[in-house]
All heavy atoms as atom14 arrays in JSON, in Angstrom:
{
  "sequence": "KSAGYNTAVLGKWHLGSAPRFQPLERGFDEFFGFLHGAHSYMSPTHS",
  "atom14_mask": [
    [1, 1, 1, 1, 1, 1, 1, 1, 1, 0, 0, 0, 0, 0],
    [1, 1, 1, 1, 1, 1, 0, 0, 0, 0, 0, 0, 0, 0],
    [1, 1, 1, 1, 1, 0, 0, 0, 0, 0, 0, 0, 0, 0],
    [1, 1, 1, 1, 0, 0, 0, 0, 0, 0, 0, 0, 0, 0],
    [1, 1, 1, 1, 1, 1, 1, 1, 1, 1, 1, 1, 0, 0],
    [1, 1, 1, 1, 1, 1, 1, 1, 0, 0, 0, 0, 0, 0],
    [1, 1, 1, 1, 1, 1, 1, 0, 0, 0, 0, 0, 0, 0],
    [1, 1, 1, 1, 1, 0, 0, 0, 0, 0, 0, 0, 0, 0],
    [1, 1, 1, 1, 1, 1, 1, 0, 0, 0, 0, 0, 0, 0],
    [1, 1, 1, 1, 1, 1, 1, 1, 0, 0, 0, 0, 0, 0],
    [1, 1, 1, 1, 0, 0, 0, 0, 0, 0, 0, 0, 0, 0],
    [1, 1, 1, 1, 1, 1, 1, 1, 1, 0, 0, 0, 0, 0],
    [1, 1, 1, 1, 1, 1, 1, 1, 1, 1, 1, 1, 1, 1],
    [1, 1, 1, 1, 1, 1, 1, 1, 1, 1, 0, 0, 0, 0],
    [1, 1, 1, 1, 1, 1, 1, 1, 0, 0, 0, 0, 0, 0],
    [1, 1, 1, 1, 0, 0, 0, 0, 0, 0, 0, 0, 0, 0],
    [1, 1, 1, 1, 1, 1, 0, 0, 0, 0, 0, 0, 0, 0],
    [1, 1, 1, 1, 1, 0, 0, 0, 0, 0, 0, 0, 0, 0],
    [1, 1, 1, 1, 1, 1, 1, 0, 0, 0, 0, 0, 0, 0],
    [1, 1, 1, 1, 1, 1, 1, 1, 1, 1, 1, 0, 0, 0],
    [1, 1, 1, 1, 1, 1, 1, 1, 1, 1, 1, 0, 0, 0],
    [1, 1, 1, 1, 1, 1, 1, 1, 1, 0, 0, 0, 0, 0],
    [1, 1, 1, 1, 1, 1, 1, 0, 0, 0, 0, 0, 0, 0],
    [1, 1, 1, 1, 1, 1, 1, 1, 0, 0, 0, 0, 0, 0],
    [1, 1, 1, 1, 1, 1, 1, 1, 1, 0, 0, 0, 0, 0],
    [1, 1, 1, 1, 1, 1, 1, 1, 1, 1, 1, 0, 0, 0],
    [1, 1, 1, 1, 0, 0, 0, 0, 0, 0, 0, 0, 0, 0],
    [1, 1, 1, 1, 1, 1, 1, 1, 1, 1, 1, 0, 0, 0],
    [1, 1, 1, 1, 1, 1, 1, 1, 0, 0, 0, 0, 0, 0],
    [1, 1, 1, 1, 1, 1, 1, 1, 1, 0, 0, 0, 0, 0],
    [1, 1, 1, 1, 1, 1, 1, 1, 1, 1, 1, 0, 0, 0],
    [1, 1, 1, 1, 1, 1, 1, 1, 1, 1, 1, 0, 0, 0],
    [1, 1, 1, 1, 0, 0, 0, 0, 0, 0, 0, 0, 0, 0],
    [1, 1, 1, 1, 1, 1, 1, 1, 1, 1, 1, 0, 0, 0],
    [1, 1, 1, 1, 1, 1, 1, 1, 0, 0, 0, 0, 0, 0],
    [1, 1, 1, 1, 1, 1, 1, 1, 1, 1, 0, 0, 0, 0],
    [1, 1, 1, 1, 0, 0, 0, 0, 0, 0, 0, 0, 0, 0],
    [1, 1, 1, 1, 1, 0, 0, 0, 0, 0, 0, 0, 0, 0],
    [1, 1, 1, 1, 1, 1, 1, 1, 1, 1, 0, 0, 0, 0],
    [1, 1, 1, 1, 1, 1, 0, 0, 0, 0, 0, 0, 0, 0],
    [1, 1, 1, 1, 1, 1, 1, 1, 1, 1, 1, 1, 0, 0],
    [1, 1, 1, 1, 1, 1, 1, 1, 0, 0, 0, 0, 0, 0],
    [1, 1, 1, 1, 1, 1, 0, 0, 0, 0, 0, 0, 0, 0],
    [1, 1, 1, 1, 1, 1, 1, 0, 0, 0, 0, 0, 0, 0],
    [1, 1, 1, 1, 1, 1, 1, 0, 0, 0, 0, 0, 0, 0],
    [1, 1, 1, 1, 1, 1, 1, 1, 1, 1, 0, 0, 0, 0],
    [1, 1, 1, 1, 1, 1, 0, 0, 0, 0, 0, 0, 0, 0]
  ],
  "atom14_positions": [
    [[33.79, -15.19, -137.7], [34.97, -14.56, -138.33], [36.13, -15.56, -138.37], [36.86, -15.63, -139.36], [35.35, -13.31, -137.57], [36.5, -12.54, -138.21], [36.77, -11.24, -137.49], [37.93, -10.47, -138.12], [38.15, -9.15, -137.48], [0.0, 0.0, 0.0], [0.0, 0.0, 0.0], [0.0, 0.0, 0.0], [0.0, 0.0, 0.0], [0.0, 0.0, 0.0]],
    [[36.33, -16.3, -137.29], [37.39, -17.28, -137.24], [37.23, -18.36, -138.28], [38.22, -19.02, -138.69], [37.47, -17.92, -135.83], [37.85, -16.97, -134.87], [0.0, 0.0, 0.0], [0.0, 0.0, 0.0], [0.0, 0.0, 0.0], [0.0, 0.0, 0.0], [0.0, 0.0, 0.0], [0.0, 0.0, 0.0], [0.0, 0.0, 0.0], [0.0, 0.0, 0.0]],
    [[35.98, -18.57, -138.7], [35.69, -19.6, -139.72], [35.66, -19.01, -141.13], [35.24, -19.69, -142.07], [34.35, -20.25, -139.42], [0.0, 0.0, 0.0], [0.0, 0.0, 0.0], [0.0, 0.0, 0.0], [0.0, 0.0, 0.0], [0.0, 0.0, 0.0], [0.0, 0.0, 0.0], [0.0, 0.0, 0.0], [0.0, 0.0, 0.0], [0.0, 0.0, 0.0]],
    [[36.1, -17.75, -141.3], [36.21, -17.17, -142.64], [35.07, -16.27, -143.06], [35.02, -15.83, -144.2], [0.0, 0.0, 0.0], [0.0, 0.0, 0.0], [0.0, 0.0, 0.0], [0.0, 0.0, 0.0], [0.0, 0.0, 0.0], [0.0, 0.0, 0.0], [0.0, 0.0, 0.0], [0.0, 0.0, 0.0], [0.0, 0.0, 0.0], [0.0, 0.0, 0.0]],
    [[34.14, -15.98, -142.16], [33.0, -15.11, -142.49], [33.4, -13.63, -142.43], [34.19, -13.23, -141.59], [31.84, -15.33, -141.53], [30.92, -16.48, -141.87], [31.36, -17.8, -141.76], [29.63, -16.23, -142.34], [30.5, -18.86, -142.08], [28.79, -17.28, -142.67], [29.21, -18.59, -142.54], [28.37, -19.63, -142.88], [0.0, 0.0, 0.0], [0.0, 0.0, 0.0]],
    [[32.84, -12.85, -143.34], [32.86, -11.39, -143.25], [31.73, -10.98, -142.3], [30.59, -11.47, -142.43], [32.63, -10.74, -144.62], [33.78, -10.97, -145.56], [34.76, -10.25, -145.52], [33.69, -12.01, -146.39], [0.0, 0.0, 0.0], [0.0, 0.0, 0.0], [0.0, 0.0, 0.0], [0.0, 0.0, 0.0], [0.0, 0.0, 0.0], [0.0, 0.0, 0.0]],
    [[32.02, -10.09, -141.37], [31.05, -9.8, -140.34], [30.76, -8.3, -140.24], [31.68, -7.46, -140.36], [31.57, -10.3, -138.95], [32.8, -9.65, -138.67], [31.78, -11.8, -138.97], [0.0, 0.0, 0.0], [0.0, 0.0, 0.0], [0.0, 0.0, 0.0], [0.0, 0.0, 0.0], [0.0, 0.0, 0.0], [0.0, 0.0, 0.0], [0.0, 0.0, 0.0]],
    [[29.5, -7.96, -140.0], [29.13, -6.54, -139.89], [27.95, -6.43, -138.92], [27.08, -7.29, -138.87], [28.73, -5.97, -141.23], [0.0, 0.0, 0.0], [0.0, 0.0, 0.0], [0.0, 0.0, 0.0], [0.0, 0.0, 0.0], [0.0, 0.0, 0.0], [0.0, 0.0, 0.0], [0.0, 0.0, 0.0], [0.0, 0.0, 0.0], [0.0, 0.0, 0.0]],
    [[27.94, -5.32, -138.16], [26.78, -4.96, -137.35], [26.34, -3.57, -137.77], [27.16, -2.66, -137.88], [27.11, -5.04, -135.83], [28.33, -4.23, -135.46], [25.9, -4.56, -135.02], [0.0, 0.0, 0.0], [0.0, 0.0, 0.0], [0.0, 0.0, 0.0], [0.0, 0.0, 0.0], [0.0, 0.0, 0.0], [0.0, 0.0, 0.0], [0.0, 0.0, 0.0]],
    [[25.05, -3.41, -137.99], [24.44, -2.14, -138.37], [23.37, -1.79, -137.37], [22.44, -2.57, -137.14], [23.82, -2.24, -139.78], [24.77, -2.73, -140.9], [23.97, -2.88, -142.18], [25.92, -1.74, -141.09], [0.0, 0.0, 0.0], [0.0, 0.0, 0.0], [0.0, 0.0, 0.0], [0.0, 0.0, 0.0], [0.0, 0.0, 0.0], [0.0, 0.0, 0.0]],
    [[23.48, -0.61, -136.73], [22.44, -0.17, -135.84], [22.88, -0.11, -134.39], [23.95, 0.37, -134.05], [0.0, 0.0, 0.0], [0.0, 0.0, 0.0], [0.0, 0.0, 0.0], [0.0, 0.0, 0.0], [0.0, 0.0, 0.0], [0.0, 0.0, 0.0], [0.0, 0.0, 0.0], [0.0, 0.0, 0.0], [0.0, 0.0, 0.0], [0.0, 0.0, 0.0]],
    [[22.03, -0.64, -133.53], [22.2, -0.53, -132.08], [23.12, -1.6, -131.53], [22.9, -2.79, -131.74], [20.82, -0.6, -131.42], [20.82, -0.53, -129.9], [19.38, -0.52, -129.39], [19.29, -0.53, -127.88], [17.93, -0.47, -127.38], [0.0, 0.0, 0.0], [0.0, 0.0, 0.0], [0.0, 0.0, 0.0], [0.0, 0.0, 0.0], [0.0, 0.0, 0.0]],
    [[24.12, -1.19, -130.76], [25.08, -2.11, -130.13], [24.65, -2.38, -128.71], [24.28, -3.5, -128.37], [26.47, -1.51, -130.2], [27.55, -2.34, -129.59], [28.38, -2.0, -128.57], [27.95, -3.68, -129.95], [29.28, -3.01, -128.25], [29.02, -4.07, -129.1], [27.49, -4.6, -130.91], [29.66, -5.3, -129.2], [28.11, -5.85, -130.99], [29.16, -6.2, -130.15]],
    [[24.77, -1.42, -127.81], [24.28, -1.48, -126.43], [24.96, -2.58, -125.62], [24.31, -3.23, -124.76], [22.76, -1.63, -126.39], [22.14, -1.03, -125.18], [20.79, -1.06, -124.9], [22.71, -0.34, -124.13], [20.54, -0.44, -123.78], [21.66, 0.01, -123.28], [0.0, 0.0, 0.0], [0.0, 0.0, 0.0], [0.0, 0.0, 0.0], [0.0, 0.0, 0.0]],
    [[26.25, -2.82, -125.89], [26.99, -3.83, -125.14], [28.29, -3.26, -124.57], [29.22, -4.01, -124.25], [27.29, -5.03, -126.07], [26.05, -5.83, -126.44], [26.41, -6.89, -127.5], [25.43, -6.53, -125.22], [0.0, 0.0, 0.0], [0.0, 0.0, 0.0], [0.0, 0.0, 0.0], [0.0, 0.0, 0.0], [0.0, 0.0, 0.0], [0.0, 0.0, 0.0]],
    [[28.32, -1.94, -124.42], [29.49, -1.3, -123.82], [30.12, -0.29, -124.79], [30.14, -0.54, -125.99], [0.0, 0.0, 0.0], [0.0, 0.0, 0.0], [0.0, 0.0, 0.0], [0.0, 0.0, 0.0], [0.0, 0.0, 0.0], [0.0, 0.0, 0.0], [0.0, 0.0, 0.0], [0.0, 0.0, 0.0], [0.0, 0.0, 0.0], [0.0, 0.0, 0.0]],
    [[30.62, 0.82, -124.25], [31.17, 1.86, -125.1], [32.68, 2.07, -124.93], [33.31, 2.71, -125.78], [30.46, 3.21, -124.83], [30.67, 3.62, -123.48], [0.0, 0.0, 0.0], [0.0, 0.0, 0.0], [0.0, 0.0, 0.0], [0.0, 0.0, 0.0], [0.0, 0.0, 0.0], [0.0, 0.0, 0.0], [0.0, 0.0, 0.0], [0.0, 0.0, 0.0]],
    [[33.27, 1.57, -123.84], [34.72, 1.67, -123.73], [35.34, 0.97, -124.92], [34.78, 0.01, -125.47], [35.16, 1.01, -122.42], [0.0, 0.0, 0.0], [0.0, 0.0, 0.0], [0.0, 0.0, 0.0], [0.0, 0.0, 0.0], [0.0, 0.0, 0.0], [0.0, 0.0, 0.0], [0.0, 0.0, 0.0], [0.0, 0.0, 0.0], [0.0, 0.0, 0.0]],
    [[36.5, 1.43, -125.38], [37.07, 0.91, -126.64], [37.12, -0.58, -126.73], [36.82, -1.19, -127.78], [38.47, 1.53, -126.66], [38.3, 2.85, -125.94], [37.3, 2.57, -124.84], [0.0, 0.0, 0.0], [0.0, 0.0, 0.0], [0.0, 0.0, 0.0], [0.0, 0.0, 0.0], [0.0, 0.0, 0.0], [0.0, 0.0, 0.0], [0.0, 0.0, 0.0]],
    [[37.45, -1.27, -125.65], [37.58, -2.74, -125.74], [36.24, -3.45, -125.94], [36.22, -4.61, -126.38], [38.26, -3.29, -124.5], [37.48, -3.18, -123.19], [38.32, -3.67, -122.03], [37.6, -3.68, -120.76], [37.44, -2.59, -120.0], [37.91, -1.43, -120.39], [36.78, -2.7, -118.85], [0.0, 0.0, 0.0], [0.0, 0.0, 0.0], [0.0, 0.0, 0.0]],
    [[35.13, -2.78, -125.6], [33.81, -3.41, -125.74], [33.17, -3.15, -127.09], [32.1, -3.68, -127.4], [32.87, -2.9, -124.65], [33.26, -3.28, -123.26], [33.37, -2.29, -122.29], [33.52, -4.58, -122.92], [33.74, -2.61, -120.98], [33.89, -4.91, -121.64], [34.0, -3.95, -120.65], [0.0, 0.0, 0.0], [0.0, 0.0, 0.0], [0.0, 0.0, 0.0]],
    [[33.74, -2.28, -127.92], [33.11, -1.85, -129.14], [33.13, -2.95, -130.21], [33.96, -3.86, -130.17], [33.75, -0.56, -129.65], [33.49, 0.62, -128.71], [34.03, 1.92, -129.23], [34.35, 2.08, -130.42], [34.16, 2.89, -128.34], [0.0, 0.0, 0.0], [0.0, 0.0, 0.0], [0.0, 0.0, 0.0], [0.0, 0.0, 0.0], [0.0, 0.0, 0.0]],
    [[32.22, -2.9, -131.18], [32.03, -4.0, -132.12], [33.29, -4.45, -132.85], [33.49, -5.67, -133.08], [31.0, -3.44, -133.1], [30.21, -2.46, -132.31], [31.19, -1.83, -131.38], [0.0, 0.0, 0.0], [0.0, 0.0, 0.0], [0.0, 0.0, 0.0], [0.0, 0.0, 0.0], [0.0, 0.0, 0.0], [0.0, 0.0, 0.0], [0.0, 0.0, 0.0]],
    [[34.14, -3.52, -133.26], [35.32, -3.9, -134.03], [36.34, -4.66, -133.19], [37.28, -5.27, -133.73], [36.0, -2.67, -134.63], [35.09, -1.86, -135.61], [35.92, -0.74, -136.26], [34.49, -2.74, -136.69], [0.0, 0.0, 0.0], [0.0, 0.0, 0.0], [0.0, 0.0, 0.0], [0.0, 0.0, 0.0], [0.0, 0.0, 0.0], [0.0, 0.0, 0.0]],
    [[36.13, -4.66, -131.87], [36.99, -5.48, -130.96], [36.29, -6.78, -130.56], [36.86, -7.56, -129.8], [37.34, -4.68, -129.71], [37.97, -3.33, -129.97], [39.26, -3.44, -130.77], [40.0, -4.4, -130.56], [39.54, -2.53, -131.61], [0.0, 0.0, 0.0], [0.0, 0.0, 0.0], [0.0, 0.0, 0.0], [0.0, 0.0, 0.0], [0.0, 0.0, 0.0]],
    [[35.05, -6.98, -131.06], [34.29, -8.14, -130.62], [33.9, -9.06, -131.79], [32.89, -9.71, -131.78], [33.02, -7.73, -129.85], [33.23, -6.8, -128.68], [34.3, -7.26, -127.69], [34.07, -8.55, -127.09], [33.49, -8.77, -125.92], [33.04, -7.72, -125.2], [33.37, -9.96, -125.43], [0.0, 0.0, 0.0], [0.0, 0.0, 0.0], [0.0, 0.0, 0.0]],
    [[34.74, -9.06, -132.81], [34.55, -9.98, -133.93], [33.92, -9.42, -135.17], [33.78, -10.11, -136.16], [0.0, 0.0, 0.0], [0.0, 0.0, 0.0], [0.0, 0.0, 0.0], [0.0, 0.0, 0.0], [0.0, 0.0, 0.0], [0.0, 0.0, 0.0], [0.0, 0.0, 0.0], [0.0, 0.0, 0.0], [0.0, 0.0, 0.0], [0.0, 0.0, 0.0]],
    [[33.58, -8.13, -135.17], [32.96, -7.53, -136.31], [33.98, -6.76, -137.16], [34.8, -6.0, -136.63], [31.81, -6.59, -135.9], [30.61, -7.31, -135.4], [30.42, -7.5, -134.03], [29.67, -7.86, -136.28], [29.31, -8.2, -133.56], [28.57, -8.54, -135.83], [28.39, -8.71, -134.48], [0.0, 0.0, 0.0], [0.0, 0.0, 0.0], [0.0, 0.0, 0.0]],
    [[33.93, -7.0, -138.46], [34.8, -6.3, -139.41], [34.3, -4.88, -139.67], [35.1, -3.97, -139.95], [34.88, -7.02, -140.74], [35.45, -8.43, -140.6], [36.48, -8.59, -139.93], [34.83, -9.36, -141.17], [0.0, 0.0, 0.0], [0.0, 0.0, 0.0], [0.0, 0.0, 0.0], [0.0, 0.0, 0.0], [0.0, 0.0, 0.0], [0.0, 0.0, 0.0]],
    [[32.99, -4.7, -139.63], [32.38, -3.43, -139.96], [31.34, -3.06, -138.92], [30.63, -3.92, -138.41], [31.72, -3.45, -141.36], [32.69, -3.78, -142.48], [32.04, -3.74, -143.85], [31.0, -3.04, -143.99], [32.54, -4.43, -144.77], [0.0, 0.0, 0.0], [0.0, 0.0, 0.0], [0.0, 0.0, 0.0], [0.0, 0.0, 0.0], [0.0, 0.0, 0.0]],
    [[31.21, -1.75, -138.67], [30.19, -1.24, -137.76], [29.7, 0.11, -138.24], [30.5, 1.01, -138.53], [30.78, -1.1, -136.34], [29.91, -0.34, -135.36], [28.57, -0.68, -135.19], [30.43, 0.67, -134.58], [27.77, 0.01, -134.27], [29.63, 1.38, -133.66], [28.3, 1.03, -133.51], [0.0, 0.0, 0.0], [0.0, 0.0, 0.0], [0.0, 0.0, 0.0]],
    [[28.4, 0.23, -138.37], [27.76, 1.52, -138.58], [26.57, 1.59, -137.63], [25.65, 0.77, -137.75], [27.3, 1.72, -140.01], [26.61, 3.05, -140.23], [27.35, 4.19, -140.52], [25.24, 3.17, -140.08], [26.74, 5.41, -140.7], [24.61, 4.38, -140.23], [25.34, 5.52, -140.54], [0.0, 0.0, 0.0], [0.0, 0.0, 0.0], [0.0, 0.0, 0.0]],
    [[26.61, 2.52, -136.69], [25.51, 2.58, -135.76], [25.9, 3.36, -134.52], [26.76, 4.25, -134.57], [0.0, 0.0, 0.0], [0.0, 0.0, 0.0], [0.0, 0.0, 0.0], [0.0, 0.0, 0.0], [0.0, 0.0, 0.0], [0.0, 0.0, 0.0], [0.0, 0.0, 0.0], [0.0, 0.0, 0.0], [0.0, 0.0, 0.0], [0.0, 0.0, 0.0]],
    [[25.3, 3.02, -133.39], [25.54, 3.73, -132.13], [25.72, 2.72, -131.01], [25.28, 1.58, -131.1], [24.4, 4.71, -131.86], [23.03, 4.09, -131.91], [22.37, 3.68, -130.77], [22.37, 3.92, -133.14], [21.11, 3.13, -130.82], [21.11, 3.35, -133.19], [20.48, 2.93, -132.05], [0.0, 0.0, 0.0], [0.0, 0.0, 0.0], [0.0, 0.0, 0.0]],
    [[26.35, 3.18, -129.93], [26.8, 2.25, -128.91], [25.83, 2.04, -127.77], [25.95, 1.08, -127.03], [28.13, 2.73, -128.34], [29.31, 2.76, -129.33], [30.53, 3.41, -128.73], [29.66, 1.36, -129.82], [0.0, 0.0, 0.0], [0.0, 0.0, 0.0], [0.0, 0.0, 0.0], [0.0, 0.0, 0.0], [0.0, 0.0, 0.0], [0.0, 0.0, 0.0]],
    [[24.85, 2.95, -127.6], [23.98, 2.87, -126.42], [22.52, 2.59, -126.81], [22.27, 1.96, -127.82], [24.12, 4.14, -125.6], [25.54, 4.33, -125.11], [26.12, 3.48, -124.2], [26.45, 5.26, -125.43], [27.36, 3.86, -123.98], [27.6, 4.94, -124.7], [0.0, 0.0, 0.0], [0.0, 0.0, 0.0], [0.0, 0.0, 0.0], [0.0, 0.0, 0.0]],
    [[21.59, 3.1, -126.01], [20.19, 2.79, -126.23], [19.52, 3.71, -127.22], [19.9, 3.75, -128.39], [0.0, 0.0, 0.0], [0.0, 0.0, 0.0], [0.0, 0.0, 0.0], [0.0, 0.0, 0.0], [0.0, 0.0, 0.0], [0.0, 0.0, 0.0], [0.0, 0.0, 0.0], [0.0, 0.0, 0.0], [0.0, 0.0, 0.0], [0.0, 0.0, 0.0]],
    [[18.54, 4.47, -126.79], [17.75, 5.3, -127.69], [18.63, 6.29, -128.47], [19.52, 6.91, -127.92], [16.68, 6.07, -126.9], [0.0, 0.0, 0.0], [0.0, 0.0, 0.0], [0.0, 0.0, 0.0], [0.0, 0.0, 0.0], [0.0, 0.0, 0.0], [0.0, 0.0, 0.0], [0.0, 0.0, 0.0], [0.0, 0.0, 0.0], [0.0, 0.0, 0.0]],
    [[18.32, 6.42, -129.77], [19.06, 7.33, -130.63], [18.08, 8.02, -131.56], [17.11, 7.4, -132.03], [20.11, 6.56, -131.46], [21.11, 7.44, -132.13], [20.81, 8.18, -133.25], [22.41, 7.7, -131.83], [21.9, 8.86, -133.61], [22.87, 8.58, -132.76], [0.0, 0.0, 0.0], [0.0, 0.0, 0.0], [0.0, 0.0, 0.0], [0.0, 0.0, 0.0]],
    [[18.31, 9.28, -131.83], [17.46, 10.03, -132.74], [17.5, 9.4, -134.13], [18.51, 8.9, -134.59], [17.93, 11.47, -132.83], [17.25, 12.17, -133.87], [0.0, 0.0, 0.0], [0.0, 0.0, 0.0], [0.0, 0.0, 0.0], [0.0, 0.0, 0.0], [0.0, 0.0, 0.0], [0.0, 0.0, 0.0], [0.0, 0.0, 0.0], [0.0, 0.0, 0.0]],
    [[16.32, 9.43, -134.8], [16.23, 8.94, -136.17], [16.45, 10.08, -137.18], [16.7, 9.82, -138.35], [14.83, 8.38, -136.44], [14.47, 7.19, -135.59], [14.07, 7.32, -134.26], [14.56, 5.88, -136.11], [13.76, 6.23, -133.48], [14.23, 4.79, -135.34], [13.84, 4.96, -134.01], [13.5, 3.87, -133.24], [0.0, 0.0, 0.0], [0.0, 0.0, 0.0]],
    [[16.34, 11.33, -136.71], [16.24, 12.47, -137.6], [17.44, 13.43, -137.55], [17.67, 14.18, -138.49], [14.97, 13.27, -137.28], [13.71, 12.43, -137.15], [13.07, 11.84, -138.71], [12.23, 13.3, -139.31], [0.0, 0.0, 0.0], [0.0, 0.0, 0.0], [0.0, 0.0, 0.0], [0.0, 0.0, 0.0], [0.0, 0.0, 0.0], [0.0, 0.0, 0.0]],
    [[18.15, 13.46, -136.43], [19.13, 14.51, -136.22], [20.39, 14.23, -137.03], [20.99, 13.16, -136.92], [19.5, 14.59, -134.72], [20.54, 15.52, -134.57], [0.0, 0.0, 0.0], [0.0, 0.0, 0.0], [0.0, 0.0, 0.0], [0.0, 0.0, 0.0], [0.0, 0.0, 0.0], [0.0, 0.0, 0.0], [0.0, 0.0, 0.0], [0.0, 0.0, 0.0]],
    [[20.86, 15.24, -137.82], [22.07, 15.03, -138.6], [23.33, 15.23, -137.76], [24.42, 14.87, -138.19], [21.98, 16.12, -139.66], [21.17, 17.2, -139.02], [20.18, 16.5, -138.12], [0.0, 0.0, 0.0], [0.0, 0.0, 0.0], [0.0, 0.0, 0.0], [0.0, 0.0, 0.0], [0.0, 0.0, 0.0], [0.0, 0.0, 0.0], [0.0, 0.0, 0.0]],
    [[23.2, 15.8, -136.57], [24.35, 16.04, -135.73], [24.46, 14.92, -134.68], [23.5, 14.28, -134.34], [24.27, 17.38, -135.01], [23.08, 17.42, -134.24], [24.25, 18.5, -136.04], [0.0, 0.0, 0.0], [0.0, 0.0, 0.0], [0.0, 0.0, 0.0], [0.0, 0.0, 0.0], [0.0, 0.0, 0.0], [0.0, 0.0, 0.0], [0.0, 0.0, 0.0]],
    [[25.67, 14.72, -134.19], [25.86, 13.62, -133.26], [25.64, 14.07, -131.8], [25.83, 15.23, -131.45], [27.25, 13.02, -133.41], [28.36, 13.88, -132.91], [29.11, 14.67, -133.75], [28.87, 14.04, -131.67], [30.03, 15.31, -133.04], [29.91, 14.94, -131.78], [0.0, 0.0, 0.0], [0.0, 0.0, 0.0], [0.0, 0.0, 0.0], [0.0, 0.0, 0.0]],
    [[25.21, 13.12, -130.99], [25.05, 13.33, -129.59], [26.36, 13.08, -128.88], [27.07, 12.13, -129.17], [23.96, 12.41, -129.05], [24.08, 12.22, -127.66], [0.0, 0.0, 0.0], [0.0, 0.0, 0.0], [0.0, 0.0, 0.0], [0.0, 0.0, 0.0], [0.0, 0.0, 0.0], [0.0, 0.0, 0.0], [0.0, 0.0, 0.0], [0.0, 0.0, 0.0]]
  ]
}
C-alpha cells in the first residue's frame, strides 16, 4: 500500500479480532470475510 498498491483481503483473516488487529488497520483498503477460524458456508445470518 505504501508503494501505491490497492489492497484487499477476501475470506479468512484469523489474525486477531480487536479493532486494531483487523484488516483495515493492517494495510488493507478492503475487507470482505470473517475474523476467526471455521465459518459456515451456507448460513445467511451472522454468528
